Amino acid sequence: MITEVAKVTEVTEVTEVTKEVEQHRDVERHWQELCFSMTTYTAGGVATKLDLKLADIIDAIVKG
């Protein structure tokens, strides 16, 4: 079970990482779940290597 504090901490960590790489992300918060999505508009909305790298970083943050 994801606690509210854990969710806030994870979103904060992901926000800091995305600022560092100048990438934009969206976060959806659902009951017991966080959903992150990234889009590189300058690449025509397709996933780039940076998007995939960021997804790996987000996975590591969420898994602790």
PDB file of N, CA and C in Angstrom:
ATOM      1  N   MET A   1       0.837  -1.176   0.000  1.00  0.00           N
ATOM      2  CA  MET A   1       0.000   0.000   0.000  1.00  0.00           C
ATOM      3  C   MET A   1       0.889   1.249   0.000  1.00  0.00           C
ATOM      4  N   ILE A   2       0.596   2.166  -0.862  1.00  0.00           N
ATOM      5  CA  ILE A   2       1.342   3.422  -0.948  1.00  0.00           C
ATOM      6  C   ILE A   2       0.695   4.431  -0.006  1.00  0.00           C
ATOM      7  N   THR A   3       1.481   4.959   0.909  1.00  0.00           N
ATOM      8  CA  THR A   3       0.943   5.966   1.821  1.00  0.00           C
ATOM      9  C   THR A   3       0.900   7.320   1.124  1.00  0.00           C
ATOM     10  N   GLU A   4       0.114   8.225   1.667  1.00  0.00           N
ATOM     11  CA  GLU A   4       0.034   9.573   1.102  1.00  0.00           C
ATOM     12  C   GLU A   4       1.393  10.267   1.149  1.00  0.00           C
ATOM     13  N   VAL A   5       2.130  10.077   2.241  1.00  0.00           N
ATOM     14  CA  VAL A   5       3.446  10.697   2.370  1.00  0.00           C
ATOM     15  C   VAL A   5       4.393  10.145   1.314  1.00  0.00           C
ATOM     16  N   ALA A   6       4.353   8.851   1.083  1.00  0.00           N
ATOM     17  CA  ALA A   6       5.208   8.240   0.063  1.00  0.00           C
ATOM     18  C   ALA A   6       4.877   8.806  -1.313  1.00  0.00           C
ATOM     19  N   LYS A   7       3.601   8.980  -1.609  1.00  0.00           N
ATOM     20  CA  LYS A   7       3.199   9.525  -2.909  1.00  0.00           C
ATOM     21  C   LYS A   7       3.762  10.923  -3.104  1.00  0.00           C
ATOM     22  N   VAL A   8       3.613  11.768  -2.085  1.00  0.00           N
ATOM     23  CA  VAL A   8       4.100  13.136  -2.175  1.00  0.00           C
ATOM     24  C   VAL A   8       5.617  13.143  -2.337  1.00  0.00           C
ATOM     25  N   THR A   9       6.303  12.306  -1.597  1.00  0.00           N
ATOM     26  CA  THR A   9       7.763  12.217  -1.684  1.00  0.00           C
ATOM     27  C   THR A   9       8.188  11.783  -3.078  1.00  0.00           C
ATOM     28  N   GLU A  10       7.540  10.793  -3.638  1.00  0.00           N
ATOM     29  CA  GLU A  10       7.878  10.300  -4.974  1.00  0.00           C
ATOM     30  C   GLU A  10       7.638  11.368  -6.035  1.00  0.00           C
ATOM     31  N   VAL A  11       6.511  12.045  -5.951  1.00  0.00           N
ATOM     32  CA  VAL A  11       6.213  13.096  -6.932  1.00  0.00           C
ATOM     33  C   VAL A  11       7.250  14.215  -6.831  1.00  0.00           C
ATOM     34  N   THR A  12       7.631  14.572  -5.616  1.00  0.00           N
ATOM     35  CA  THR A  12       8.641  15.613  -5.418  1.00  0.00           C
ATOM     36  C   THR A  12       9.977  15.195  -6.017  1.00  0.00           C
ATOM     37  N   GLU A  13      10.394  13.962  -5.779  1.00  0.00           N
ATOM     38  CA  GLU A  13      11.664  13.469  -6.335  1.00  0.00           C
ATOM     39  C   GLU A  13      11.631  13.458  -7.857  1.00  0.00           C
ATOM     40  N   VAL A  14      10.540  12.986  -8.424  1.00  0.00           N
ATOM     41  CA  VAL A  14      10.418  12.935  -9.885  1.00  0.00           C
ATOM     42  C   VAL A  14      10.425  14.352 -10.461  1.00  0.00           C
ATOM     43  N   THR A  15       9.765  15.284  -9.796  1.00  0.00           N
ATOM     44  CA  THR A  15       9.750  16.677 -10.258  1.00  0.00           C
ATOM     45  C   THR A  15      11.158  17.244 -10.310  1.00  0.00           C
ATOM     46  N   GLU A  16      11.954  16.975  -9.290  1.00  0.00           N
ATOM     47  CA  GLU A  16      13.332  17.465  -9.263  1.00  0.00           C
ATOM     48  C   GLU A  16      14.153  16.875 -10.409  1.00  0.00           C
ATOM     49  N   VAL A  17      13.988  15.590 -10.653  1.00  0.00           N
ATOM     50  CA  VAL A  17      14.734  14.935 -11.733  1.00  0.00           C
ATOM     51  C   VAL A  17      14.328  15.502 -13.088  1.00  0.00           C
ATOM     52  N   THR A  18      13.039  15.694 -13.302  1.00  0.00           N
ATOM     53  CA  THR A  18      12.587  16.201 -14.604  1.00  0.00           C
ATOM     54  C   THR A  18      13.036  17.639 -14.825  1.00  0.00           C
ATOM     55  N   LYS A  19      13.145  18.418 -13.761  1.00  0.00           N
ATOM     56  CA  LYS A  19      13.671  19.785 -13.894  1.00  0.00           C
ATOM     57  C   LYS A  19      15.129  19.743 -14.332  1.00  0.00           C
ATOM     58  N   GLU A  20      15.897  18.823 -13.753  1.00  0.00           N
ATOM     59  CA  GLU A  20      17.324  18.714 -14.068  1.00  0.00           C
ATOM     60  C   GLU A  20      17.563  18.401 -15.533  1.00  0.00           C
ATOM     61  N   VAL A  21      16.716  17.574 -16.131  1.00  0.00           N
ATOM     62  CA  VAL A  21      16.907  17.185 -17.535  1.00  0.00           C
ATOM     63  C   VAL A  21      16.011  17.995 -18.478  1.00  0.00           C
ATOM     64  N   GLU A  22      15.350  19.006 -17.922  1.00  0.00           N
ATOM     65  CA  GLU A  22      14.473  19.886 -18.692  1.00  0.00           C
ATOM     66  C   GLU A  22      13.429  19.107 -19.485  1.00  0.00           C
ATOM     67  N   GLN A  23      12.822  18.163 -18.815  1.00  0.00           N
ATOM     68  CA  GLN A  23      11.801  17.321 -19.432  1.00  0.00           C
ATOM     69  C   GLN A  23      10.466  17.587 -18.734  1.00  0.00           C
ATOM     70  N   HIS A  24       9.399  17.467 -19.457  1.00  0.00           N
ATOM     71  CA  HIS A  24       8.076  17.697 -18.887  1.00  0.00           C
ATOM     72  C   HIS A  24       7.391  16.362 -18.644  1.00  0.00           C
ATOM     73  N   ARG A  25       6.680  16.290 -17.545  1.00  0.00           N
ATOM     74  CA  ARG A  25       5.952  15.070 -17.218  1.00  0.00           C
ATOM     75  C   ARG A  25       4.594  15.453 -16.636  1.00  0.00           C
ATOM     76  N   ASP A  26       3.681  14.540 -16.777  1.00  0.00           N
ATOM     77  CA  ASP A  26       2.361  14.677 -16.156  1.00  0.00           C
ATOM     78  C   ASP A  26       2.240  13.600 -15.096  1.00  0.00           C
ATOM     79  N   VAL A  27       1.524  13.926 -14.033  1.00  0.00           N
ATOM     80  CA  VAL A  27       1.307  12.971 -12.954  1.00  0.00           C
ATOM     81  C   VAL A  27      -0.191  12.857 -12.717  1.00  0.00           C
ATOM     82  N   GLU A  28      -0.660  11.631 -12.668  1.00  0.00           N
ATOM     83  CA  GLU A  28      -2.047  11.360 -12.284  1.00  0.00           C
ATOM     84  C   GLU A  28      -2.016  10.594 -10.981  1.00  0.00           C
ATOM     85  N   ARG A  29      -2.824  11.008 -10.062  1.00  0.00           N
ATOM     86  CA  ARG A  29      -2.881  10.334  -8.762  1.00  0.00           C
ATOM     87  C   ARG A  29      -4.234   9.658  -8.635  1.00  0.00           C
ATOM     88  N   HIS A  30      -4.193   8.373  -8.441  1.00  0.00           N
ATOM     89  CA  HIS A  30      -5.396   7.579  -8.244  1.00  0.00           C
ATOM     90  C   HIS A  30      -5.278   6.876  -6.899  1.00  0.00           C
ATOM     91  N   TRP A  31      -6.327   6.284  -6.457  1.00  0.00           N
ATOM     92  CA  TRP A  31      -6.294   5.535  -5.213  1.00  0.00           C
ATOM     93  C   TRP A  31      -5.190   4.492  -5.288  1.00  0.00           C
ATOM     94  N   GLN A  32      -4.226   4.552  -4.387  1.00  0.00           N
ATOM     95  CA  GLN A  32      -3.124   3.594  -4.268  1.00  0.00           C
ATOM     96  C   GLN A  32      -2.203   3.561  -5.488  1.00  0.00           C
ATOM     97  N   GLU A  33      -2.221   4.595  -6.329  1.00  0.00           N
ATOM     98  CA  GLU A  33      -1.459   4.515  -7.563  1.00  0.00           C
ATOM     99  C   GLU A  33      -1.024   5.901  -8.039  1.00  0.00           C
ATOM    100  N   LEU A  34       0.174   5.972  -8.568  1.00  0.00           N
ATOM    101  CA  LEU A  34       0.650   7.162  -9.258  1.00  0.00           C
ATOM    102  C   LEU A  34       0.929   6.778 -10.698  1.00  0.00           C
ATOM    103  N   CYS A  35       0.562   7.643 -11.627  1.00  0.00           N
ATOM    104  CA  CYS A  35       0.801   7.399 -13.045  1.00  0.00           C
ATOM    105  C   CYS A  35       1.597   8.585 -13.601  1.00  0.00           C
ATOM    106  N   PHE A  36       2.774   8.308 -14.161  1.00  0.00           N
ATOM    107  CA  PHE A  36       3.600   9.351 -14.756  1.00  0.00           C
ATOM    108  C   PHE A  36       3.603   9.155 -16.267  1.00  0.00           C
ATOM    109  N   SER A  37       3.528  10.260 -17.005  1.00  0.00           N
ATOM    110  CA  SER A  37       3.664  10.177 -18.460  1.00  0.00           C
ATOM    111  C   SER A  37       4.567  11.309 -18.929  1.00  0.00           C
ATOM    112  N   MET A  38       5.354  11.021 -19.958  1.00  0.00           N
ATOM    113  CA  MET A  38       6.261  12.003 -20.533  1.00  0.00           C
ATOM    114  C   MET A  38       5.978  12.136 -22.015  1.00  0.00           C
ATOM    115  N   THR A  39       6.132  13.346 -22.514  1.00  0.00           N
ATOM    116  CA  THR A  39       5.996  13.589 -23.939  1.00  0.00           C
ATOM    117  C   THR A  39       7.056  14.587 -24.359  1.00  0.00           C
ATOM    118  N   THR A  40       7.723  14.281 -25.436  1.00  0.00           N
ATOM    119  CA  THR A  40       8.680  15.221 -25.998  1.00  0.00           C
ATOM    120  C   THR A  40       8.019  15.847 -27.221  1.00  0.00           C
ATOM    121  N   TYR A  41       7.472  17.033 -27.010  1.00  0.00           N
ATOM    122  CA  TYR A  41       6.721  17.684 -28.079  1.00  0.00           C
ATOM    123  C   TYR A  41       7.604  18.042 -29.263  1.00  0.00           C
ATOM    124  N   THR A  42       8.865  18.363 -29.010  1.00  0.00           N
ATOM    125  CA  THR A  42       9.772  18.712 -30.107  1.00  0.00           C
ATOM    126  C   THR A  42      10.125  17.504 -30.960  1.00  0.00           C
ATOM    127  N   ALA A  43       9.839  16.297 -30.465  1.00  0.00           N
ATOM    128  CA  ALA A  43      10.102  15.078 -31.234  1.00  0.00           C
ATOM    129  C   ALA A  43       8.820  14.551 -31.869  1.00  0.00           C
ATOM    130  N   GLY A  44       7.806  15.389 -31.909  1.00  0.00           N
ATOM    131  CA  GLY A  44       6.555  14.982 -32.527  1.00  0.00           C
ATOM    132  C   GLY A  44       5.712  14.065 -31.660  1.00  0.00           C
ATOM    133  N   GLY A  45       5.960  14.083 -30.355  1.00  0.00           N
ATOM    134  CA  GLY A  45       5.155  13.288 -29.440  1.00  0.00           C
ATOM    135  C   GLY A  45       5.554  11.824 -29.334  1.00  0.00           C
ATOM    136  N   VAL A  46       6.656  11.438 -29.965  1.00  0.00           N
ATOM    137  CA  VAL A  46       7.121  10.052 -29.859  1.00  0.00           C
ATOM    138  C   VAL A  46       8.099   9.926 -28.702  1.00  0.00           C
ATOM    139  N   ALA A  47       8.246   8.727 -28.184  1.00  0.00           N
ATOM    140  CA  ALA A  47       9.172   8.489 -27.089  1.00  0.00           C
ATOM    141  C   ALA A  47      10.605   8.621 -27.581  1.00  0.00           C
ATOM    142  N   THR A  48      11.400   9.365 -26.839  1.00  0.00           N
ATOM    143  CA  THR A  48      12.809   9.546 -27.173  1.00  0.00           C
ATOM    144  C   THR A  48      13.664   8.768 -26.172  1.00  0.00           C
ATOM    145  N   LYS A  49      14.961   8.736 -26.418  1.00  0.00           N
ATOM    146  CA  LYS A  49      15.873   8.086 -25.477  1.00  0.00           C
ATOM    147  C   LYS A  49      15.800   8.749 -24.108  1.00  0.00           C
ATOM    148  N   LEU A  50      15.617  10.069 -24.086  1.00  0.00           N
ATOM    149  CA  LEU A  50      15.494  10.783 -22.819  1.00  0.00           C
ATOM    150  C   LEU A  50      14.231  10.350 -22.073  1.00  0.00           C
ATOM    151  N   ASP A  51      13.122  10.175 -22.801  1.00  0.00           N
ATOM    152  CA  ASP A  51      11.884   9.701 -22.172  1.00  0.00           C
ATOM    153  C   ASP A  51      12.094   8.332 -21.534  1.00  0.00           C
ATOM    154  N   LEU A  52      12.751   7.439 -22.252  1.00  0.00           N
ATOM    155  CA  LEU A  52      12.975   6.089 -21.746  1.00  0.00           C
ATOM    156  C   LEU A  52      13.917   6.098 -20.546  1.00  0.00           C
ATOM    157  N   LYS A  53      14.966   6.941 -20.601  1.00  0.00           N
ATOM    158  CA  LYS A  53      15.881   7.065 -19.475  1.00  0.00           C
ATOM    159  C   LYS A  53      15.134   7.611 -18.255  1.00  0.00           C
ATOM    160  N   LEU A  54      14.300   8.605 -18.470  1.00  0.00           N
ATOM    161  CA  LEU A  54      13.518   9.184 -17.386  1.00  0.00           C
ATOM    162  C   LEU A  54      12.546   8.162 -16.805  1.00  0.00           C
ATOM    163  N   ALA A  55      11.969   7.338 -17.645  1.00  0.00           N
ATOM    164  CA  ALA A  55      11.067   6.274 -17.157  1.00  0.00           C
ATOM    165  C   ALA A  55      11.825   5.316 -16.242  1.00  0.00           C
ATOM    166  N   ASP A  56      13.050   4.976 -16.605  1.00  0.00           N
ATOM    167  CA  ASP A  56      13.875   4.110 -15.750  1.00  0.00           C
ATOM    168  C   ASP A  56      14.171   4.782 -14.409  1.00  0.00           C
ATOM    169  N   ILE A  57      14.467   6.076 -14.444  1.00  0.00           N
ATOM    170  CA  ILE A  57      14.737   6.820 -13.207  1.00  0.00           C
ATOM    171  C   ILE A  57      13.492   6.863 -12.332  1.00  0.00           C
ATOM    172  N   ILE A  58      12.328   7.099 -12.935  1.00  0.00           N
ATOM    173  CA  ILE A  58      11.080   7.132 -12.183  1.00  0.00           C
ATOM    174  C   ILE A  58      10.802   5.770 -11.553  1.00  0.00           C
ATOM    175  N   ASP A  59      11.017   4.707 -12.324  1.00  0.00           N
ATOM    176  CA  ASP A  59      10.842   3.353 -11.765  1.00  0.00           C
ATOM    177  C   ASP A  59      11.714   3.148 -10.523  1.00  0.00           C
ATOM    178  N   ALA A  60      12.961   3.593 -10.619  1.00  0.00           N
ATOM    179  CA  ALA A  60      13.886   3.431  -9.483  1.00  0.00           C
ATOM    180  C   ALA A  60      13.417   4.239  -8.269  1.00  0.00           C
ATOM    181  N   ILE A  61      12.904   5.439  -8.496  1.00  0.00           N
ATOM    182  CA  ILE A  61      12.404   6.262  -7.399  1.00  0.00           C
ATOM    183  C   ILE A  61      11.211   5.596  -6.737  1.00  0.00           C
ATOM    184  N   VAL A  62      10.290   5.113  -7.542  1.00  0.00           N
ATOM    185  CA  VAL A  62       9.061   4.526  -7.006  1.00  0.00           C
ATOM    186  C   VAL A  62       9.347   3.210  -6.280  1.00  0.00           C
ATOM    187  N   LYS A  63      10.286   2.431  -6.806  1.00  0.00           N
ATOM    188  CA  LYS A  63      10.606   1.141  -6.173  1.00  0.00           C
ATOM    189  C   LYS A  63      11.491   1.312  -4.941  1.00  0.00           C
ATOM    190  N   GLY A  64      12.044   2.524  -4.776  1.00  0.00           N
ATOM    191  CA  GLY A  64      12.842   2.832  -3.595  1.00  0.00           C
ATOM    192  C   GLY A  64      14.184   2.276  -3.704  1.00  0.00           C
TER     193      GLY A  64
END
